Amino acid sequence: MTTEAAAAAPAAQTSTRSIRIWDWPVRLVHWSIVALIAGMYLTAENSEWGWHMRLGHVLLALLIFRVIWGFVGTETARFGSFVKGPGAVLGYLRGAYDYRRNKGHSPLAALSVLALLGLMFAQVGMGLFAGDPYDGATGPLNPLVGVMTADTITETHEWFYWVIFAFIALHITAVGVIGAMQATNLIGPMIGGTGEKAVEVEANQPTPWGRALGALAVSAGIAFWVYLGAPPLT
């Protein structure tokens, strides 16, 4: 059966079974980022700058971890398994994609993942260089840039979170609409890790704990090094 024919097959004709889709590191990072973004917004709005910056460093560590895990993690976590070329994205938009016969991110969702990671890295990066002597919210890398540059970064950092919120709203809307159109639960697997897929689809591999803990240690170490002001390693 061709991909197009498989995508057009009625849902009732597809035999499914519950399989493992997402490993726990992907799910932990996903929902932790959701909580951290909310927490950082609330701490900024209430001028709790100490907590705001602590949460920012936790977010930095998680973002670094997700990038590392995108190369050494399980199948559905790896960028190489879900980041596709323009042809795959166009095929997806034409309907040549069946969620029951594919696990992990769709070609279009892959672009959303990359965009969200990029936007959050940009926001966290600006926070590291930002500085406001009046409220004490000065990032650890602020001394590395000039005053005028820091002012520009700080001003951008203050409004850029609306860009992230808008993209998150778009992402949530897309998940809801696509899930309804495909009659597929896209949120449940990101919570519990398992979901219904066609019987021929192989389950995702178990989480390699050693790699996960190693990646987490490296990520935390880099974030702590940045927290210290990125001193020379010599």
C-alpha atoms as a PDB file:
ATOM      1  CA  MET A   1       0.000   0.000   0.000  1.00  0.00           C
ATOM      2  CA  THR A   2       1.398   3.410  -0.950  1.00  0.00           C
ATOM      3  CA  THR A   3       1.736   6.194   1.582  1.00  0.00           C
ATOM      4  CA  GLU A   4      -1.107   8.093  -0.105  1.00  0.00           C
ATOM      5  CA  ALA A   5      -3.357   5.058  -0.051  1.00  0.00           C
ATOM      6  CA  ALA A   6      -2.516   4.354   3.578  1.00  0.00           C
ATOM      7  CA  ALA A   7      -3.349   7.921   4.507  1.00  0.00           C
ATOM      8  CA  ALA A   8      -6.694   7.644   2.742  1.00  0.00           C
ATOM      9  CA  ALA A   9      -7.662   4.349   4.391  1.00  0.00           C
ATOM     10  CA  PRO A  10     -10.614   4.764   6.762  1.00  0.00           C
ATOM     11  CA  ALA A  11      -9.722   4.712  10.443  1.00  0.00           C
ATOM     12  CA  ALA A  12     -12.080   1.782  10.993  1.00  0.00           C
ATOM     13  CA  GLN A  13     -10.006  -0.378   8.633  1.00  0.00           C
ATOM     14  CA  THR A  14      -6.774   0.185  10.529  1.00  0.00           C
ATOM     15  CA  SER A  15      -6.049  -2.315  13.290  1.00  0.00           C
ATOM     16  CA  THR A  16      -4.187  -0.601  16.116  1.00  0.00           C
ATOM     17  CA  ARG A  17      -2.400  -1.418  19.337  1.00  0.00           C
ATOM     18  CA  SER A  18      -0.984   0.660  22.168  1.00  0.00           C
ATOM     19  CA  ILE A  19       2.780   1.163  21.876  1.00  0.00           C
ATOM     20  CA  ARG A  20       5.471   3.272  23.494  1.00  0.00           C
ATOM     21  CA  ILE A  21       5.934   6.550  21.574  1.00  0.00           C
ATOM     22  CA  TRP A  22       7.703   9.115  23.755  1.00  0.00           C
ATOM     23  CA  ASP A  23      10.462   8.462  26.262  1.00  0.00           C
ATOM     24  CA  TRP A  24      10.356  10.065  29.703  1.00  0.00           C
ATOM     25  CA  PRO A  25      13.112  12.644  29.024  1.00  0.00           C
ATOM     26  CA  VAL A  26      11.151  14.111  26.103  1.00  0.00           C
ATOM     27  CA  ARG A  27       7.954  14.250  28.148  1.00  0.00           C
ATOM     28  CA  LEU A  28       9.697  15.647  31.228  1.00  0.00           C
ATOM     29  CA  VAL A  29      11.374  18.390  29.212  1.00  0.00           C
ATOM     30  CA  HIS A  30       8.141  19.198  27.358  1.00  0.00           C
ATOM     31  CA  TRP A  31       5.988  19.720  30.453  1.00  0.00           C
ATOM     32  CA  SER A  32       8.785  21.286  32.506  1.00  0.00           C
ATOM     33  CA  ILE A  33       9.218  23.938  29.819  1.00  0.00           C
ATOM     34  CA  VAL A  34       5.475  24.639  29.948  1.00  0.00           C
ATOM     35  CA  ALA A  35       5.684  25.157  33.717  1.00  0.00           C
ATOM     36  CA  LEU A  36       8.886  27.205  33.507  1.00  0.00           C
ATOM     37  CA  ILE A  37       7.511  29.602  30.899  1.00  0.00           C
ATOM     38  CA  ALA A  38       4.470  30.238  33.078  1.00  0.00           C
ATOM     39  CA  GLY A  39       6.666  30.640  36.157  1.00  0.00           C
ATOM     40  CA  MET A  40       9.065  33.034  34.453  1.00  0.00           C
ATOM     41  CA  TYR A  41       6.193  35.184  33.212  1.00  0.00           C
ATOM     42  CA  LEU A  42       4.673  35.394  36.706  1.00  0.00           C
ATOM     43  CA  THR A  43       7.999  36.136  38.395  1.00  0.00           C
ATOM     44  CA  ALA A  44       8.750  38.895  35.879  1.00  0.00           C
ATOM     45  CA  GLU A  45       5.308  40.454  36.282  1.00  0.00           C
ATOM     46  CA  ASN A  46       5.755  40.453  40.070  1.00  0.00           C
ATOM     47  CA  SER A  47       9.388  41.677  39.968  1.00  0.00           C
ATOM     48  CA  GLU A  48      10.666  38.474  41.571  1.00  0.00           C
ATOM     49  CA  TRP A  49      13.921  38.772  39.677  1.00  0.00           C
ATOM     50  CA  GLY A  50      15.921  36.343  41.770  1.00  0.00           C
ATOM     51  CA  TRP A  51      13.490  33.534  41.052  1.00  0.00           C
ATOM     52  CA  HIS A  52      13.072  34.705  37.478  1.00  0.00           C
ATOM     53  CA  MET A  53      16.772  34.271  36.799  1.00  0.00           C
ATOM     54  CA  ARG A  54      16.982  30.940  38.634  1.00  0.00           C
ATOM     55  CA  LEU A  55      14.146  29.582  36.529  1.00  0.00           C
ATOM     56  CA  GLY A  56      15.868  30.962  33.449  1.00  0.00           C
ATOM     57  CA  HIS A  57      18.975  28.904  34.168  1.00  0.00           C
ATOM     58  CA  VAL A  58      16.864  25.785  34.704  1.00  0.00           C
ATOM     59  CA  LEU A  59      15.214  26.465  31.345  1.00  0.00           C
ATOM     60  CA  LEU A  60      18.634  26.895  29.738  1.00  0.00           C
ATOM     61  CA  ALA A  61      19.739  23.516  31.099  1.00  0.00           C
ATOM     62  CA  LEU A  62      16.587  21.832  29.764  1.00  0.00           C
ATOM     63  CA  LEU A  63      16.963  23.404  26.322  1.00  0.00           C
ATOM     64  CA  ILE A  64      20.577  22.252  26.112  1.00  0.00           C
ATOM     65  CA  PHE A  65      19.511  18.801  27.252  1.00  0.00           C
ATOM     66  CA  ARG A  66      16.799  18.628  24.571  1.00  0.00           C
ATOM     67  CA  VAL A  67      19.358  19.457  21.873  1.00  0.00           C
ATOM     68  CA  ILE A  68      21.767  16.816  23.140  1.00  0.00           C
ATOM     69  CA  TRP A  69      18.925  14.311  23.466  1.00  0.00           C
ATOM     70  CA  GLY A  70      17.971  15.108  19.897  1.00  0.00           C
ATOM     71  CA  PHE A  71      21.193  13.365  18.852  1.00  0.00           C
ATOM     72  CA  VAL A  72      21.681  10.617  21.457  1.00  0.00           C
ATOM     73  CA  GLY A  73      18.117   9.903  22.630  1.00  0.00           C
ATOM     74  CA  THR A  74      15.566   7.331  21.548  1.00  0.00           C
ATOM     75  CA  GLU A  75      14.210   7.142  18.004  1.00  0.00           C
ATOM     76  CA  THR A  76      11.312   9.582  18.342  1.00  0.00           C
ATOM     77  CA  ALA A  77      13.508  12.053  20.249  1.00  0.00           C
ATOM     78  CA  ARG A  78      16.194  12.277  17.560  1.00  0.00           C
ATOM     79  CA  PHE A  79      16.091  15.148  15.115  1.00  0.00           C
ATOM     80  CA  GLY A  80      17.246  12.811  12.380  1.00  0.00           C
ATOM     81  CA  SER A  81      14.073  10.739  12.724  1.00  0.00           C
ATOM     82  CA  PHE A  82      11.535  13.547  12.425  1.00  0.00           C
ATOM     83  CA  VAL A  83      13.165  16.565  10.758  1.00  0.00           C
ATOM     84  CA  LYS A  84      12.417  16.069   7.069  1.00  0.00           C
ATOM     85  CA  GLY A  85      12.988  17.987   3.866  1.00  0.00           C
ATOM     86  CA  PRO A  86      10.537  20.226   1.965  1.00  0.00           C
ATOM     87  CA  GLY A  87       9.188  17.256   0.007  1.00  0.00           C
ATOM     88  CA  ALA A  88       7.986  15.512   3.163  1.00  0.00           C
ATOM     89  CA  VAL A  89       6.406  18.713   4.468  1.00  0.00           C
ATOM     90  CA  LEU A  90       4.570  19.261   1.175  1.00  0.00           C
ATOM     91  CA  GLY A  91       3.448  15.639   1.186  1.00  0.00           C
ATOM     92  CA  TYR A  92       2.099  16.099   4.691  1.00  0.00           C
ATOM     93  CA  LEU A  93       0.182  19.216   3.637  1.00  0.00           C
ATOM     94  CA  ARG A  94      -1.297  17.247   0.698  1.00  0.00           C
ATOM     95  CA  GLY A  95      -2.569  14.616   3.130  1.00  0.00           C
ATOM     96  CA  ALA A  96       0.005  11.917   2.424  1.00  0.00           C
ATOM     97  CA  TYR A  97       0.545  11.194   6.110  1.00  0.00           C
ATOM     98  CA  ASP A  98      -1.267   8.814   8.446  1.00  0.00           C
ATOM     99  CA  TYR A  99      -0.774   9.359  12.166  1.00  0.00           C
ATOM    100  CA  ARG A 100      -1.709   5.742  12.858  1.00  0.00           C
ATOM    101  CA  ARG A 101       1.135   4.448  10.692  1.00  0.00           C
ATOM    102  CA  ASN A 102       3.751   6.917  11.903  1.00  0.00           C
ATOM    103  CA  LYS A 103       5.020   7.608  15.391  1.00  0.00           C
ATOM    104  CA  GLY A 104       6.718  10.722  16.670  1.00  0.00           C
ATOM    105  CA  HIS A 105       6.506  14.199  15.209  1.00  0.00           C
ATOM    106  CA  SER A 106       4.982  14.785  11.786  1.00  0.00           C
ATOM    107  CA  PRO A 107       7.077  16.721   9.222  1.00  0.00           C
ATOM    108  CA  LEU A 108       5.146  19.913  10.017  1.00  0.00           C
ATOM    109  CA  ALA A 109       5.316  19.406  13.788  1.00  0.00           C
ATOM    110  CA  ALA A 110       9.082  18.993  13.421  1.00  0.00           C
ATOM    111  CA  LEU A 111       9.302  22.554  12.123  1.00  0.00           C
ATOM    112  CA  SER A 112       7.259  23.710  15.098  1.00  0.00           C
ATOM    113  CA  VAL A 113       9.643  21.949  17.500  1.00  0.00           C
ATOM    114  CA  LEU A 114      12.677  23.589  15.901  1.00  0.00           C
ATOM    115  CA  ALA A 115      10.988  26.997  15.900  1.00  0.00           C
ATOM    116  CA  LEU A 116      10.006  26.762  19.570  1.00  0.00           C
ATOM    117  CA  LEU A 117      13.491  25.649  20.589  1.00  0.00           C
ATOM    118  CA  GLY A 118      15.015  28.501  18.595  1.00  0.00           C
ATOM    119  CA  LEU A 119      12.656  31.111  20.051  1.00  0.00           C
ATOM    120  CA  MET A 120      13.249  29.952  23.616  1.00  0.00           C
ATOM    121  CA  PHE A 121      17.019  29.836  23.137  1.00  0.00           C
ATOM    122  CA  ALA A 122      16.828  33.407  21.817  1.00  0.00           C
ATOM    123  CA  GLN A 123      14.777  34.588  24.796  1.00  0.00           C
ATOM    124  CA  VAL A 124      16.978  32.870  27.372  1.00  0.00           C
ATOM    125  CA  GLY A 125      20.098  34.109  25.591  1.00  0.00           C
ATOM    126  CA  MET A 126      18.875  37.687  25.717  1.00  0.00           C
ATOM    127  CA  GLY A 127      18.124  37.290  29.411  1.00  0.00           C
ATOM    128  CA  LEU A 128      21.698  36.224  30.056  1.00  0.00           C
ATOM    129  CA  PHE A 129      23.032  39.463  28.561  1.00  0.00           C
ATOM    130  CA  ALA A 130      20.240  41.756  29.775  1.00  0.00           C
ATOM    131  CA  GLY A 131      20.783  44.164  32.618  1.00  0.00           C
ATOM    132  CA  ASP A 132      18.758  46.695  34.539  1.00  0.00           C
ATOM    133  CA  PRO A 133      20.681  48.416  37.364  1.00  0.00           C
ATOM    134  CA  TYR A 134      17.455  49.826  38.815  1.00  0.00           C
ATOM    135  CA  ASP A 135      15.735  46.523  39.594  1.00  0.00           C
ATOM    136  CA  GLY A 136      18.800  44.310  40.004  1.00  0.00           C
ATOM    137  CA  ALA A 137      17.890  41.948  37.168  1.00  0.00           C
ATOM    138  CA  THR A 138      21.269  41.567  35.541  1.00  0.00           C
ATOM    139  CA  GLY A 139      22.189  38.474  33.592  1.00  0.00           C
ATOM    140  CA  PRO A 140      25.520  36.730  34.280  1.00  0.00           C
ATOM    141  CA  LEU A 141      26.849  37.542  30.800  1.00  0.00           C
ATOM    142  CA  ASN A 142      25.934  41.229  30.960  1.00  0.00           C
ATOM    143  CA  PRO A 143      29.556  42.336  31.594  1.00  0.00           C
ATOM    144  CA  LEU A 144      30.533  40.834  28.227  1.00  0.00           C
ATOM    145  CA  VAL A 145      28.595  43.475  26.251  1.00  0.00           C
ATOM    146  CA  GLY A 146      28.506  47.248  26.229  1.00  0.00           C
ATOM    147  CA  VAL A 147      25.883  49.345  27.999  1.00  0.00           C
ATOM    148  CA  MET A 148      24.018  50.351  24.837  1.00  0.00           C
ATOM    149  CA  THR A 149      23.998  46.777  23.545  1.00  0.00           C
ATOM    150  CA  ALA A 150      22.740  45.535  26.911  1.00  0.00           C
ATOM    151  CA  ASP A 151      19.955  48.144  26.866  1.00  0.00           C
ATOM    152  CA  THR A 152      18.810  47.024  23.421  1.00  0.00           C
ATOM    153  CA  ILE A 153      18.913  43.362  24.452  1.00  0.00           C
ATOM    154  CA  THR A 154      16.985  44.133  27.637  1.00  0.00           C
ATOM    155  CA  GLU A 155      14.244  46.008  25.788  1.00  0.00           C
ATOM    156  CA  THR A 156      13.899  43.200  23.263  1.00  0.00           C
ATOM    157  CA  HIS A 157      13.837  40.584  26.020  1.00  0.00           C
ATOM    158  CA  GLU A 158      10.959  42.422  27.692  1.00  0.00           C
ATOM    159  CA  TRP A 159       8.596  42.178  24.699  1.00  0.00           C
ATOM    160  CA  PHE A 160       9.900  39.085  22.940  1.00  0.00           C
ATOM    161  CA  TYR A 161       8.013  36.744  25.258  1.00  0.00           C
ATOM    162  CA  TRP A 162       4.830  37.812  23.457  1.00  0.00           C
ATOM    163  CA  VAL A 163       6.286  36.273  20.303  1.00  0.00           C
ATOM    164  CA  ILE A 164       6.818  33.017  22.195  1.00  0.00           C
ATOM    165  CA  PHE A 165       3.304  33.132  23.670  1.00  0.00           C
ATOM    166  CA  ALA A 166       1.820  33.709  20.216  1.00  0.00           C
ATOM    167  CA  PHE A 167       3.729  30.753  18.785  1.00  0.00           C
ATOM    168  CA  ILE A 168       2.692  28.550  21.710  1.00  0.00           C
ATOM    169  CA  ALA A 169      -0.945  29.523  21.114  1.00  0.00           C
ATOM    170  CA  LEU A 170      -0.537  28.628  17.446  1.00  0.00           C
ATOM    171  CA  HIS A 171       1.065  25.322  18.401  1.00  0.00           C
ATOM    172  CA  ILE A 172      -1.763  24.419  20.799  1.00  0.00           C
ATOM    173  CA  THR A 173      -4.370  25.356  18.208  1.00  0.00           C
ATOM    174  CA  ALA A 174      -2.661  23.221  15.565  1.00  0.00           C
ATOM    175  CA  VAL A 175      -2.495  20.233  17.913  1.00  0.00           C
ATOM    176  CA  GLY A 176      -6.204  20.558  18.665  1.00  0.00           C
ATOM    177  CA  VAL A 177      -7.283  21.028  15.053  1.00  0.00           C
ATOM    178  CA  ILE A 178      -5.050  18.313  13.609  1.00  0.00           C
ATOM    179  CA  GLY A 179      -6.000  15.887  16.377  1.00  0.00           C
ATOM    180  CA  ALA A 180      -9.692  16.477  15.639  1.00  0.00           C
ATOM    181  CA  MET A 181      -9.235  16.154  11.878  1.00  0.00           C
ATOM    182  CA  GLN A 182      -7.233  12.928  12.231  1.00  0.00           C
ATOM    183  CA  ALA A 183      -9.400  11.592  15.078  1.00  0.00           C
ATOM    184  CA  THR A 184      -6.104  11.068  16.897  1.00  0.00           C
ATOM    185  CA  ASN A 185      -5.152  11.822  20.494  1.00  0.00           C
ATOM    186  CA  LEU A 186      -1.943  13.822  20.184  1.00  0.00           C
ATOM    187  CA  ILE A 187      -1.777  15.031  23.793  1.00  0.00           C
ATOM    188  CA  GLY A 188      -2.257  11.747  25.649  1.00  0.00           C
ATOM    189  CA  PRO A 189       0.974  10.147  24.377  1.00  0.00           C
ATOM    190  CA  MET A 190       2.965  13.209  25.471  1.00  0.00           C
ATOM    191  CA  ILE A 191       1.567  12.684  28.967  1.00  0.00           C
ATOM    192  CA  GLY A 192       1.632   8.920  29.372  1.00  0.00           C
ATOM    193  CA  GLY A 193       4.184   8.025  26.709  1.00  0.00           C
ATOM    194  CA  THR A 194       2.004   5.515  24.848  1.00  0.00           C
ATOM    195  CA  GLY A 195      -0.573   5.789  22.092  1.00  0.00           C
ATOM    196  CA  GLU A 196      -2.585   3.838  19.546  1.00  0.00           C
ATOM    197  CA  LYS A 197      -0.728   3.031  16.337  1.00  0.00           C
ATOM    198  CA  ALA A 198      -1.166   0.573  13.495  1.00  0.00           C
ATOM    199  CA  VAL A 199      -0.127  -2.958  14.415  1.00  0.00           C
ATOM    200  CA  GLU A 200       2.850  -2.881  12.039  1.00  0.00           C
ATOM    201  CA  VAL A 201       4.393   0.176  13.735  1.00  0.00           C
ATOM    202  CA  GLU A 202       7.252  -0.748  16.071  1.00  0.00           C
ATOM    203  CA  ALA A 203       7.340   0.671  19.578  1.00  0.00           C
ATOM    204  CA  ASN A 204       9.929   3.255  20.505  1.00  0.00           C
ATOM    205  CA  GLN A 205      12.967   1.833  22.274  1.00  0.00           C
ATOM    206  CA  PRO A 206      13.250   1.980  26.087  1.00  0.00           C
ATOM    207  CA  THR A 207      15.006   4.996  27.537  1.00  0.00           C
ATOM    208  CA  PRO A 208      18.787   4.499  27.848  1.00  0.00           C
ATOM    209  CA  TRP A 209      19.151   5.768  31.408  1.00  0.00           C
ATOM    210  CA  GLY A 210      22.920   6.106  31.304  1.00  0.00           C
ATOM    211  CA  ARG A 211      22.789   8.357  28.250  1.00  0.00           C
ATOM    212  CA  ALA A 212      19.926  10.357  29.727  1.00  0.00           C
ATOM    213  CA  LEU A 213      21.731  10.999  33.008  1.00  0.00           C
ATOM    214  CA  GLY A 214      24.969  11.790  31.180  1.00  0.00           C
ATOM    215  CA  ALA A 215      23.212  14.290  28.915  1.00  0.00           C
ATOM    216  CA  LEU A 216      21.512  15.851  31.936  1.00  0.00           C
ATOM    217  CA  ALA A 217      24.846  16.194  33.765  1.00  0.00           C
ATOM    218  CA  VAL A 218      26.464  17.884  30.753  1.00  0.00           C
ATOM    219  CA  SER A 219      23.487  20.236  30.338  1.00  0.00           C
ATOM    220  CA  ALA A 220      23.447  21.186  34.005  1.00  0.00           C
ATOM    221  CA  GLY A 221      27.211  21.735  33.929  1.00  0.00           C
ATOM    222  CA  ILE A 222      27.002  24.098  30.959  1.00  0.00           C
ATOM    223  CA  ALA A 223      24.112  26.021  32.540  1.00  0.00           C
ATOM    224  CA  PHE A 224      26.047  26.342  35.814  1.00  0.00           C
ATOM    225  CA  TRP A 225      29.132  27.535  33.937  1.00  0.00           C
ATOM    226  CA  VAL A 226      26.996  30.240  32.293  1.00  0.00           C
ATOM    227  CA  TYR A 227      25.526  31.098  35.716  1.00  0.00           C
ATOM    228  CA  LEU A 228      29.070  31.774  36.918  1.00  0.00           C
ATOM    229  CA  GLY A 229      29.540  34.229  34.046  1.00  0.00           C
ATOM    230  CA  ALA A 230      31.160  31.798  31.592  1.00  0.00           C
ATOM    231  CA  PRO A 231      34.668  32.118  33.052  1.00  0.00           C
ATOM    232  CA  PRO A 232      37.618  30.837  30.979  1.00  0.00           C
ATOM    233  CA  LEU A 233      38.050  27.092  31.320  1.00  0.00           C
ATOM    234  CA  THR A 234      41.847  27.246  31.350  1.00  0.00           C
END
